[in-house]
């Protein structure tokens, strides 16, 4: 196949040299009323966790604003050792829970 840099809009999407098939709105849509969507267990647990965190008020908006201001002012300091230690501890806890 030779590529010469030209793009012919009429040929875009052609696989066999014939015209590209036309799609109608709703083509391939599932019939109404018969299909169901089932979330994975992980997705269900994440949704539940999000609901609990939002309802419990564990989100600390003033702290977020302080961190945003520190970043904007160039005053926010990152301690890579603490980040690494907490990441390793997090992995240890995850692995211990799966054992």
PDB file of N, CA and C in Angstrom:
ATOM      1  N   UNK A   1       0.846  -1.169   0.000  1.00  0.00           N
ATOM      2  CA  UNK A   1       0.000   0.000   0.000  1.00  0.00           C
ATOM      3  C   UNK A   1       0.890   1.229   0.000  1.00  0.00           C
ATOM      4  N   UNK A   2       0.599   2.139  -0.862  1.00  0.00           N
ATOM      5  CA  UNK A   2       1.370   3.363  -0.974  1.00  0.00           C
ATOM      6  C   UNK A   2       0.659   4.475  -0.217  1.00  0.00           C
ATOM      7  N   UNK A   3       1.441   5.174   0.608  1.00  0.00           N
ATOM      8  CA  UNK A   3       0.904   6.308   1.330  1.00  0.00           C
ATOM      9  C   UNK A   3       1.552   7.554   0.751  1.00  0.00           C
ATOM     10  N   UNK A   4       0.734   8.440   0.211  1.00  0.00           N
ATOM     11  CA  UNK A   4       1.293   9.625  -0.423  1.00  0.00           C
ATOM     12  C   UNK A   4       0.886  10.918   0.255  1.00  0.00           C
ATOM     13  N   UNK A   5       0.210  10.840   1.391  1.00  0.00           N
ATOM     14  CA  UNK A   5      -0.133  12.047   2.130  1.00  0.00           C
ATOM     15  C   UNK A   5      -1.435  12.694   1.711  1.00  0.00           C
ATOM     16  N   UNK A   6      -2.035  12.257   0.607  1.00  0.00           N
ATOM     17  CA  UNK A   6      -3.312  12.854   0.222  1.00  0.00           C
ATOM     18  C   UNK A   6      -4.423  12.164   0.990  1.00  0.00           C
ATOM     19  N   UNK A   7      -5.438  12.910   1.266  1.00  0.00           N
ATOM     20  CA  UNK A   7      -6.572  12.317   1.954  1.00  0.00           C
ATOM     21  C   UNK A   7      -7.833  12.609   1.165  1.00  0.00           C
ATOM     22  N   UNK A   8      -8.433  11.572   0.691  1.00  0.00           N
ATOM     23  CA  UNK A   8      -9.666  11.679  -0.060  1.00  0.00           C
ATOM     24  C   UNK A   8     -10.807  11.347   0.891  1.00  0.00           C
ATOM     25  N   UNK A   9     -11.630  12.334   1.286  1.00  0.00           N
ATOM     26  CA  UNK A   9     -12.691  12.080   2.259  1.00  0.00           C
ATOM     27  C   UNK A   9     -13.641  10.973   1.833  1.00  0.00           C
ATOM     28  N   UNK A  10     -13.801  10.763   0.541  1.00  0.00           N
ATOM     29  CA  UNK A  10     -14.712   9.730   0.069  1.00  0.00           C
ATOM     30  C   UNK A  10     -14.162   8.335   0.354  1.00  0.00           C
ATOM     31  N   UNK A  11     -12.843   8.219   0.522  1.00  0.00           N
ATOM     32  CA  UNK A  11     -12.234   6.907   0.735  1.00  0.00           C
ATOM     33  C   UNK A  11     -11.982   6.599   2.206  1.00  0.00           C
ATOM     34  N   UNK A  12     -12.129   7.583   3.078  1.00  0.00           N
ATOM     35  CA  UNK A  12     -11.881   7.359   4.491  1.00  0.00           C
ATOM     36  C   UNK A  12     -12.871   6.332   5.012  1.00  0.00           C
ATOM     37  N   UNK A  13     -12.383   5.320   5.694  1.00  0.00           N
ATOM     38  CA  UNK A  13     -13.224   4.291   6.275  1.00  0.00           C
ATOM     39  C   UNK A  13     -13.521   3.142   5.346  1.00  0.00           C
ATOM     40  N   UNK A  14     -12.979   3.143   4.137  1.00  0.00           N
ATOM     41  CA  UNK A  14     -13.217   2.044   3.214  1.00  0.00           C
ATOM     42  C   UNK A  14     -12.234   0.924   3.482  1.00  0.00           C
ATOM     43  N   UNK A  15     -12.728  -0.289   3.466  1.00  0.00           N
ATOM     44  CA  UNK A  15     -11.852  -1.434   3.659  1.00  0.00           C
ATOM     45  C   UNK A  15     -11.691  -2.221   2.379  1.00  0.00           C
ATOM     46  N   UNK A  16     -12.714  -2.305   1.568  1.00  0.00           N
ATOM     47  CA  UNK A  16     -12.646  -3.150   0.389  1.00  0.00           C
ATOM     48  C   UNK A  16     -12.793  -2.392  -0.903  1.00  0.00           C
ATOM     49  N   UNK A  17     -12.664  -1.093  -0.894  1.00  0.00           N
ATOM     50  CA  UNK A  17     -12.755  -0.328  -2.117  1.00  0.00           C
ATOM     51  C   UNK A  17     -14.152   0.182  -2.412  1.00  0.00           C
ATOM     52  N   UNK A  18     -15.159  -0.378  -1.768  1.00  0.00           N
ATOM     53  CA  UNK A  18     -16.524   0.079  -1.983  1.00  0.00           C
ATOM     54  C   UNK A  18     -16.822   1.277  -1.107  1.00  0.00           C
ATOM     55  N   UNK A  19     -17.979   1.846  -1.258  1.00  0.00           N
ATOM     56  CA  UNK A  19     -18.330   3.001  -0.427  1.00  0.00           C
ATOM     57  C   UNK A  19     -18.464   2.596   1.035  1.00  0.00           C
ATOM     58  N   UNK A  20     -18.164   3.543   1.910  1.00  0.00           N
ATOM     59  CA  UNK A  20     -18.261   3.292   3.343  1.00  0.00           C
ATOM     60  C   UNK A  20     -19.722   3.106   3.712  1.00  0.00           C
ATOM     61  N   UNK A  21     -20.028   2.135   4.577  1.00  0.00           N
ATOM     62  CA  UNK A  21     -21.434   1.917   4.949  1.00  0.00           C
ATOM     63  C   UNK A  21     -21.981   3.103   5.717  1.00  0.00           C
ATOM     64  N   UNK A  22     -23.240   3.402   5.489  1.00  0.00           N
ATOM     65  CA  UNK A  22     -23.910   4.496   6.177  1.00  0.00           C
ATOM     66  C   UNK A  22     -24.578   3.953   7.422  1.00  0.00           C
ATOM     67  N   UNK A  23     -24.416   4.659   8.542  1.00  0.00           N
ATOM     68  CA  UNK A  23     -25.045   4.247   9.788  1.00  0.00           C
ATOM     69  C   UNK A  23     -26.245   5.128  10.033  1.00  0.00           C
ATOM     70  N   UNK A  24     -27.307   4.512  10.431  1.00  0.00           N
ATOM     71  CA  UNK A  24     -28.493   5.277  10.777  1.00  0.00           C
ATOM     72  C   UNK A  24     -28.513   5.477  12.284  1.00  0.00           C
ATOM     73  N   UNK A  25     -29.097   6.574  12.757  1.00  0.00           N
ATOM     74  CA  UNK A  25     -29.179   6.783  14.197  1.00  0.00           C
ATOM     75  C   UNK A  25     -29.890   5.609  14.855  1.00  0.00           C
ATOM     76  N   UNK A  26     -29.315   5.110  15.903  1.00  0.00           N
ATOM     77  CA  UNK A  26     -29.913   3.998  16.617  1.00  0.00           C
ATOM     78  C   UNK A  26     -29.541   2.644  16.068  1.00  0.00           C
ATOM     79  N   UNK A  27     -28.753   2.610  15.007  1.00  0.00           N
ATOM     80  CA  UNK A  27     -28.353   1.333  14.440  1.00  0.00           C
ATOM     81  C   UNK A  27     -27.497   0.586  15.439  1.00  0.00           C
ATOM     82  N   UNK A  28     -27.801  -0.653  15.653  1.00  0.00           N
ATOM     83  CA  UNK A  28     -27.034  -1.447  16.588  1.00  0.00           C
ATOM     84  C   UNK A  28     -27.480  -1.270  18.026  1.00  0.00           C
ATOM     85  N   UNK A  29     -28.509  -0.478  18.235  1.00  0.00           N
ATOM     86  CA  UNK A  29     -28.990  -0.244  19.600  1.00  0.00           C
ATOM     87  C   UNK A  29     -29.725  -1.480  20.082  1.00  0.00           C
ATOM     88  N   UNK A  30     -29.658  -1.706  21.366  1.00  0.00           N
ATOM     89  CA  UNK A  30     -30.320  -2.861  21.959  1.00  0.00           C
ATOM     90  C   UNK A  30     -31.815  -2.602  22.045  1.00  0.00           C
ATOM     91  N   UNK A  31     -32.611  -3.661  21.942  1.00  0.00           N
ATOM     92  CA  UNK A  31     -34.052  -3.473  22.074  1.00  0.00           C
ATOM     93  C   UNK A  31     -34.403  -2.973  23.467  1.00  0.00           C
ATOM     94  N   UNK A  32     -35.407  -2.138  23.531  1.00  0.00           N
ATOM     95  CA  UNK A  32     -35.796  -1.539  24.814  1.00  0.00           C
ATOM     96  C   UNK A  32     -36.449  -2.572  25.712  1.00  0.00           C
ATOM     97  N   UNK A  33     -36.176  -2.457  27.008  1.00  0.00           N
ATOM     98  CA  UNK A  33     -36.878  -3.260  27.984  1.00  0.00           C
ATOM     99  C   UNK A  33     -36.288  -4.622  28.277  1.00  0.00           C
ATOM    100  N   UNK A  34     -35.424  -5.161  27.453  1.00  0.00           N
ATOM    101  CA  UNK A  34     -34.959  -6.516  27.676  1.00  0.00           C
ATOM    102  C   UNK A  34     -33.549  -6.632  28.206  1.00  0.00           C
ATOM    103  N   UNK A  35     -32.767  -5.615  28.061  1.00  0.00           N
ATOM    104  CA  UNK A  35     -31.368  -5.702  28.462  1.00  0.00           C
ATOM    105  C   UNK A  35     -31.146  -5.079  29.827  1.00  0.00           C
ATOM    106  N   UNK A  36     -30.133  -5.595  30.517  1.00  0.00           N
ATOM    107  CA  UNK A  36     -29.762  -5.057  31.816  1.00  0.00           C
ATOM    108  C   UNK A  36     -28.268  -4.806  31.849  1.00  0.00           C
ATOM    109  N   UNK A  37     -27.883  -3.873  32.702  1.00  0.00           N
ATOM    110  CA  UNK A  37     -26.472  -3.576  32.924  1.00  0.00           C
ATOM    111  C   UNK A  37     -26.136  -4.022  34.331  1.00  0.00           C
ATOM    112  N   UNK A  38     -25.050  -4.763  34.468  1.00  0.00           N
ATOM    113  CA  UNK A  38     -24.618  -5.207  35.788  1.00  0.00           C
ATOM    114  C   UNK A  38     -23.215  -4.688  36.020  1.00  0.00           C
ATOM    115  N   UNK A  39     -23.046  -3.928  37.109  1.00  0.00           N
ATOM    116  CA  UNK A  39     -21.736  -3.411  37.457  1.00  0.00           C
ATOM    117  C   UNK A  39     -20.920  -4.513  38.108  1.00  0.00           C
ATOM    118  N   UNK A  40     -19.619  -4.457  37.923  1.00  0.00           N
ATOM    119  CA  UNK A  40     -18.757  -5.420  38.596  1.00  0.00           C
ATOM    120  C   UNK A  40     -18.806  -5.163  40.095  1.00  0.00           C
ATOM    121  N   UNK A  41     -18.365  -6.136  40.867  1.00  0.00           N
ATOM    122  CA  UNK A  41     -18.335  -5.968  42.315  1.00  0.00           C
ATOM    123  C   UNK A  41     -17.467  -4.777  42.699  1.00  0.00           C
ATOM    124  N   UNK A  42     -16.348  -4.603  42.001  1.00  0.00           N
ATOM    125  CA  UNK A  42     -15.452  -3.492  42.309  1.00  0.00           C
ATOM    126  C   UNK A  42     -16.142  -2.157  42.051  1.00  0.00           C
ATOM    127  N   UNK A  43     -16.831  -2.031  40.936  1.00  0.00           N
ATOM    128  CA  UNK A  43     -17.531  -0.777  40.630  1.00  0.00           C
ATOM    129  C   UNK A  43     -18.608  -0.494  41.667  1.00  0.00           C
ATOM    130  N   UNK A  44     -19.302  -1.522  42.091  1.00  0.00           N
ATOM    131  CA  UNK A  44     -20.336  -1.340  43.117  1.00  0.00           C
ATOM    132  C   UNK A  44     -19.723  -0.892  44.436  1.00  0.00           C
ATOM    133  N   UNK A  45     -18.599  -1.499  44.807  1.00  0.00           N
ATOM    134  CA  UNK A  45     -17.943  -1.112  46.057  1.00  0.00           C
ATOM    135  C   UNK A  45     -17.412   0.308  45.988  1.00  0.00           C
ATOM    136  N   UNK A  46     -16.857   0.703  44.832  1.00  0.00           N
ATOM    137  CA  UNK A  46     -16.367   2.076  44.676  1.00  0.00           C
ATOM    138  C   UNK A  46     -17.512   3.084  44.786  1.00  0.00           C
ATOM    139  N   UNK A  47     -18.634   2.780  44.177  1.00  0.00           N
ATOM    140  CA  UNK A  47     -19.786   3.673  44.261  1.00  0.00           C
ATOM    141  C   UNK A  47     -20.266   3.793  45.700  1.00  0.00           C
ATOM    142  N   UNK A  48     -20.290   2.667  46.423  1.00  0.00           N
ATOM    143  CA  UNK A  48     -20.701   2.689  47.826  1.00  0.00           C
ATOM    144  C   UNK A  48     -19.725   3.505  48.666  1.00  0.00           C
ATOM    145  N   UNK A  49     -18.444   3.323  48.425  1.00  0.00           N
ATOM    146  CA  UNK A  49     -17.422   4.072  49.166  1.00  0.00           C
ATOM    147  C   UNK A  49     -17.550   5.565  48.915  1.00  0.00           C
ATOM    148  N   UNK A  50     -17.763   5.938  47.656  1.00  0.00           N
ATOM    149  CA  UNK A  50     -17.926   7.352  47.325  1.00  0.00           C
ATOM    150  C   UNK A  50     -19.129   7.940  48.062  1.00  0.00           C
ATOM    151  N   UNK A  51     -20.221   7.201  48.109  1.00  0.00           N
ATOM    152  CA  UNK A  51     -21.414   7.662  48.802  1.00  0.00           C
ATOM    153  C   UNK A  51     -21.146   7.834  50.294  1.00  0.00           C
ATOM    154  N   UNK A  52     -20.472   6.854  50.889  1.00  0.00           N
ATOM    155  CA  UNK A  52     -20.169   6.939  52.321  1.00  0.00           C
ATOM    156  C   UNK A  52     -19.247   8.098  52.633  1.00  0.00           C
ATOM    157  N   UNK A  53     -18.210   8.294  51.812  1.00  0.00           N
ATOM    158  CA  UNK A  53     -17.274   9.395  52.066  1.00  0.00           C
ATOM    159  C   UNK A  53     -17.954  10.746  51.925  1.00  0.00           C
ATOM    160  N   UNK A  54     -18.792  10.865  50.939  1.00  0.00           N
ATOM    161  CA  UNK A  54     -19.499  12.123  50.734  1.00  0.00           C
ATOM    162  C   UNK A  54     -20.463  12.390  51.884  1.00  0.00           C
ATOM    163  N   UNK A  55     -21.164  11.364  52.319  1.00  0.00           N
ATOM    164  CA  UNK A  55     -22.147  11.525  53.387  1.00  0.00           C
ATOM    165  C   UNK A  55     -21.493  11.748  54.747  1.00  0.00           C
ATOM    166  N   UNK A  56     -20.300  11.177  54.945  1.00  0.00           N
ATOM    167  CA  UNK A  56     -19.662  11.261  56.262  1.00  0.00           C
ATOM    168  C   UNK A  56     -18.973  12.593  56.507  1.00  0.00           C
ATOM    169  N   UNK A  57     -18.783  13.377  55.468  1.00  0.00           N
ATOM    170  CA  UNK A  57     -18.132  14.669  55.627  1.00  0.00           C
ATOM    171  C   UNK A  57     -16.624  14.563  55.818  1.00  0.00           C
ATOM    172  N   UNK A  58     -16.029  13.449  55.405  1.00  0.00           N
ATOM    173  CA  UNK A  58     -14.595  13.275  55.568  1.00  0.00           C
ATOM    174  C   UNK A  58     -13.788  14.144  54.602  1.00  0.00           C
ATOM    175  N   UNK A  59     -14.457  14.748  53.659  1.00  0.00           N
ATOM    176  CA  UNK A  59     -13.792  15.631  52.712  1.00  0.00           C
ATOM    177  C   UNK A  59     -13.526  16.965  53.406  1.00  0.00           C
ATOM    178  N   UNK A  60     -12.273  17.352  53.482  1.00  0.00           N
ATOM    179  CA  UNK A  60     -11.863  18.551  54.223  1.00  0.00           C
ATOM    180  C   UNK A  60     -11.609  19.691  53.235  1.00  0.00           C
ATOM    181  N   UNK A  61     -12.658  20.424  52.889  1.00  0.00           N
ATOM    182  CA  UNK A  61     -12.552  21.500  51.904  1.00  0.00           C
ATOM    183  C   UNK A  61     -11.551  22.582  52.313  1.00  0.00           C
ATOM    184  N   UNK A  62     -11.520  23.022  53.569  1.00  0.00           N
ATOM    185  CA  UNK A  62     -10.527  24.037  53.948  1.00  0.00           C
ATOM    186  C   UNK A  62      -9.080  23.558  53.736  1.00  0.00           C
ATOM    187  N   UNK A  63      -8.839  22.283  54.010  1.00  0.00           N
ATOM    188  CA  UNK A  63      -7.486  21.749  53.797  1.00  0.00           C
ATOM    189  C   UNK A  63      -7.136  21.752  52.309  1.00  0.00           C
ATOM    190  N   UNK A  64      -8.100  21.363  51.490  1.00  0.00           N
ATOM    191  CA  UNK A  64      -7.877  21.374  50.040  1.00  0.00           C
ATOM    192  C   UNK A  64      -7.554  22.785  49.569  1.00  0.00           C
ATOM    193  N   UNK A  65      -8.278  23.765  50.073  1.00  0.00           N
ATOM    194  CA  UNK A  65      -8.030  25.161  49.683  1.00  0.00           C
ATOM    195  C   UNK A  65      -6.642  25.620  50.131  1.00  0.00           C
ATOM    196  N   UNK A  66      -6.226  25.218  51.336  1.00  0.00           N
ATOM    197  CA  UNK A  66      -4.877  25.583  51.806  1.00  0.00           C
ATOM    198  C   UNK A  66      -3.802  24.967  50.911  1.00  0.00           C
ATOM    199  N   UNK A  67      -3.978  23.719  50.535  1.00  0.00           N
ATOM    200  CA  UNK A  67      -2.998  23.054  49.672  1.00  0.00           C
ATOM    201  C   UNK A  67      -2.977  23.710  48.300  1.00  0.00           C
ATOM    202  N   UNK A  68      -4.153  24.027  47.750  1.00  0.00           N
ATOM    203  CA  UNK A  68      -4.204  24.690  46.448  1.00  0.00           C
ATOM    204  C   UNK A  68      -3.482  26.033  46.485  1.00  0.00           C
ATOM    205  N   UNK A  69      -3.689  26.797  47.558  1.00  0.00           N
ATOM    206  CA  UNK A  69      -3.036  28.095  47.691  1.00  0.00           C
ATOM    207  C   UNK A  69      -1.524  27.929  47.808  1.00  0.00           C
ATOM    208  N   UNK A  70      -1.080  26.935  48.574  1.00  0.00           N
ATOM    209  CA  UNK A  70       0.354  26.693  48.723  1.00  0.00           C
ATOM    210  C   UNK A  70       0.981  26.310  47.391  1.00  0.00           C
ATOM    211  N   UNK A  71       0.305  25.497  46.612  1.00  0.00           N
ATOM    212  CA  UNK A  71       0.817  25.121  45.282  1.00  0.00           C
ATOM    213  C   UNK A  71       0.892  26.348  44.389  1.00  0.00           C
ATOM    214  N   UNK A  72      -0.185  27.150  44.385  1.00  0.00           N
ATOM    215  CA  UNK A  72      -0.220  28.353  43.540  1.00  0.00           C
ATOM    216  C   UNK A  72       0.877  29.338  43.910  1.00  0.00           C
ATOM    217  N   UNK A  73       1.212  29.418  45.200  1.00  0.00           N
ATOM    218  CA  UNK A  73       2.253  30.350  45.666  1.00  0.00           C
ATOM    219  C   UNK A  73       3.652  29.763  45.608  1.00  0.00           C
ATOM    220  N   UNK A  74       3.754  28.490  45.189  1.00  0.00           N
ATOM    221  CA  UNK A  74       5.064  27.851  45.126  1.00  0.00           C
ATOM    222  C   UNK A  74       5.619  27.480  46.484  1.00  0.00           C
ATOM    223  N   UNK A  75       4.753  27.363  47.477  1.00  0.00           N
ATOM    224  CA  UNK A  75       5.178  27.079  48.846  1.00  0.00           C
ATOM    225  C   UNK A  75       4.965  25.630  49.257  1.00  0.00           C
ATOM    226  N   UNK A  76       4.302  24.846  48.418  1.00  0.00           N
ATOM    227  CA  UNK A  76       4.000  23.463  48.779  1.00  0.00           C
ATOM    228  C   UNK A  76       5.253  22.613  48.595  1.00  0.00           C
ATOM    229  N   UNK A  77       5.642  21.935  49.640  1.00  0.00           N
ATOM    230  CA  UNK A  77       6.843  21.108  49.604  1.00  0.00           C
ATOM    231  C   UNK A  77       6.455  19.635  49.598  1.00  0.00           C
ATOM    232  N   UNK A  78       7.118  18.885  48.772  1.00  0.00           N
ATOM    233  CA  UNK A  78       6.877  17.453  48.670  1.00  0.00           C
ATOM    234  C   UNK A  78       8.040  16.728  49.331  1.00  0.00           C
ATOM    235  N   UNK A  79       7.706  15.770  50.178  1.00  0.00           N
ATOM    236  CA  UNK A  79       8.720  14.956  50.840  1.00  0.00           C
ATOM    237  C   UNK A  79       8.661  13.560  50.229  1.00  0.00           C
ATOM    238  N   UNK A  80       9.554  13.266  49.273  1.00  0.00           N
ATOM    239  CA  UNK A  80       9.479  11.981  48.570  1.00  0.00           C
ATOM    240  C   UNK A  80       9.680  10.774  49.488  1.00  0.00           C
ATOM    241  N   UNK A  81      10.422  10.935  50.578  1.00  0.00           N
ATOM    242  CA  UNK A  81      10.618   9.814  51.497  1.00  0.00           C
ATOM    243  C   UNK A  81       9.304   9.420  52.173  1.00  0.00           C
ATOM    244  N   UNK A  82       8.537  10.413  52.589  1.00  0.00           N
ATOM    245  CA  UNK A  82       7.253  10.132  53.227  1.00  0.00           C
ATOM    246  C   UNK A  82       6.298   9.488  52.220  1.00  0.00           C
ATOM    247  N   UNK A  83       6.290   9.991  51.005  1.00  0.00           N
ATOM    248  CA  UNK A  83       5.427   9.420  49.968  1.00  0.00           C
ATOM    249  C   UNK A  83       5.801   7.964  49.725  1.00  0.00           C
ATOM    250  N   UNK A  84       7.089   7.689  49.604  1.00  0.00           N
ATOM    251  CA  UNK A  84       7.542   6.316  49.364  1.00  0.00           C
ATOM    252  C   UNK A  84       7.177   5.412  50.531  1.00  0.00           C
ATOM    253  N   UNK A  85       7.373   5.871  51.753  1.00  0.00           N
ATOM    254  CA  UNK A  85       7.043   5.063  52.929  1.00  0.00           C
ATOM    255  C   UNK A  85       5.549   4.737  52.982  1.00  0.00           C
ATOM    256  N   UNK A  86       4.729   5.729  52.704  1.00  0.00           N
ATOM    257  CA  UNK A  86       3.280   5.503  52.746  1.00  0.00           C
ATOM    258  C   UNK A  86       2.815   4.604  51.613  1.00  0.00           C
ATOM    259  N   UNK A  87       3.445   4.713  50.458  1.00  0.00           N
ATOM    260  CA  UNK A  87       3.107   3.847  49.337  1.00  0.00           C
ATOM    261  C   UNK A  87       3.452   2.396  49.663  1.00  0.00           C
ATOM    262  N   UNK A  88       4.638   2.176  50.229  1.00  0.00           N
ATOM    263  CA  UNK A  88       5.046   0.820  50.601  1.00  0.00           C
ATOM    264  C   UNK A  88       4.098   0.261  51.658  1.00  0.00           C
ATOM    265  N   UNK A  89       3.734   1.065  52.640  1.00  0.00           N
ATOM    266  CA  UNK A  89       2.814   0.613  53.685  1.00  0.00           C
ATOM    267  C   UNK A  89       1.448   0.279  53.097  1.00  0.00           C
ATOM    268  N   UNK A  90       0.992   1.086  52.156  1.00  0.00           N
ATOM    269  CA  UNK A  90      -0.286   0.833  51.505  1.00  0.00           C
ATOM    270  C   UNK A  90      -0.257  -0.503  50.766  1.00  0.00           C
ATOM    271  N   UNK A  91       0.815  -0.778  50.069  1.00  0.00           N
ATOM    272  CA  UNK A  91       0.946  -2.045  49.339  1.00  0.00           C
ATOM    273  C   UNK A  91       0.989  -3.213  50.320  1.00  0.00           C
ATOM    274  N   UNK A  92       1.693  -3.042  51.420  1.00  0.00           N
ATOM    275  CA  UNK A  92       1.741  -4.108  52.440  1.00  0.00           C
ATOM    276  C   UNK A  92       0.343  -4.430  52.961  1.00  0.00           C
ATOM    277  N   UNK A  93      -0.438  -3.376  53.232  1.00  0.00           N
ATOM    278  CA  UNK A  93      -1.786  -3.607  53.739  1.00  0.00           C
ATOM    279  C   UNK A  93      -2.661  -4.291  52.686  1.00  0.00           C
ATOM    280  N   UNK A  94      -2.513  -3.889  51.437  1.00  0.00           N
ATOM    281  CA  UNK A  94      -3.287  -4.524  50.359  1.00  0.00           C
ATOM    282  C   UNK A  94      -2.925  -5.995  50.236  1.00  0.00           C
ATOM    283  N   UNK A  95      -1.642  -6.294  50.270  1.00  0.00           N
ATOM    284  CA  UNK A  95      -1.198  -7.686  50.146  1.00  0.00           C
ATOM    285  C   UNK A  95      -1.623  -8.516  51.341  1.00  0.00           C
ATOM    286  N   UNK A  96      -1.596  -7.935  52.522  1.00  0.00           N
ATOM    287  CA  UNK A  96      -2.014  -8.661  53.719  1.00  0.00           C
ATOM    288  C   UNK A  96      -3.503  -8.975  53.667  1.00  0.00           C
ATOM    289  N   UNK A  97      -4.279  -8.102  53.078  1.00  0.00           N
ATOM    290  CA  UNK A  97      -5.720  -8.322  52.972  1.00  0.00           C
ATOM    291  C   UNK A  97      -6.077  -9.398  51.973  1.00  0.00           C
ATOM    292  N   UNK A  98      -5.218  -9.636  50.979  1.00  0.00           N
ATOM    293  CA  UNK A  98      -5.493 -10.647  49.950  1.00  0.00           C
ATOM    294  C   UNK A  98      -4.983 -12.022  50.333  1.00  0.00           C
ATOM    295  N   UNK A  99      -4.149 -12.091  51.344  1.00  0.00           N
ATOM    296  CA  UNK A  99      -3.564 -13.383  51.721  1.00  0.00           C
ATOM    297  C   UNK A  99      -4.540 -14.277  52.416  1.00  0.00           C
TER     298      UNK A  99
END
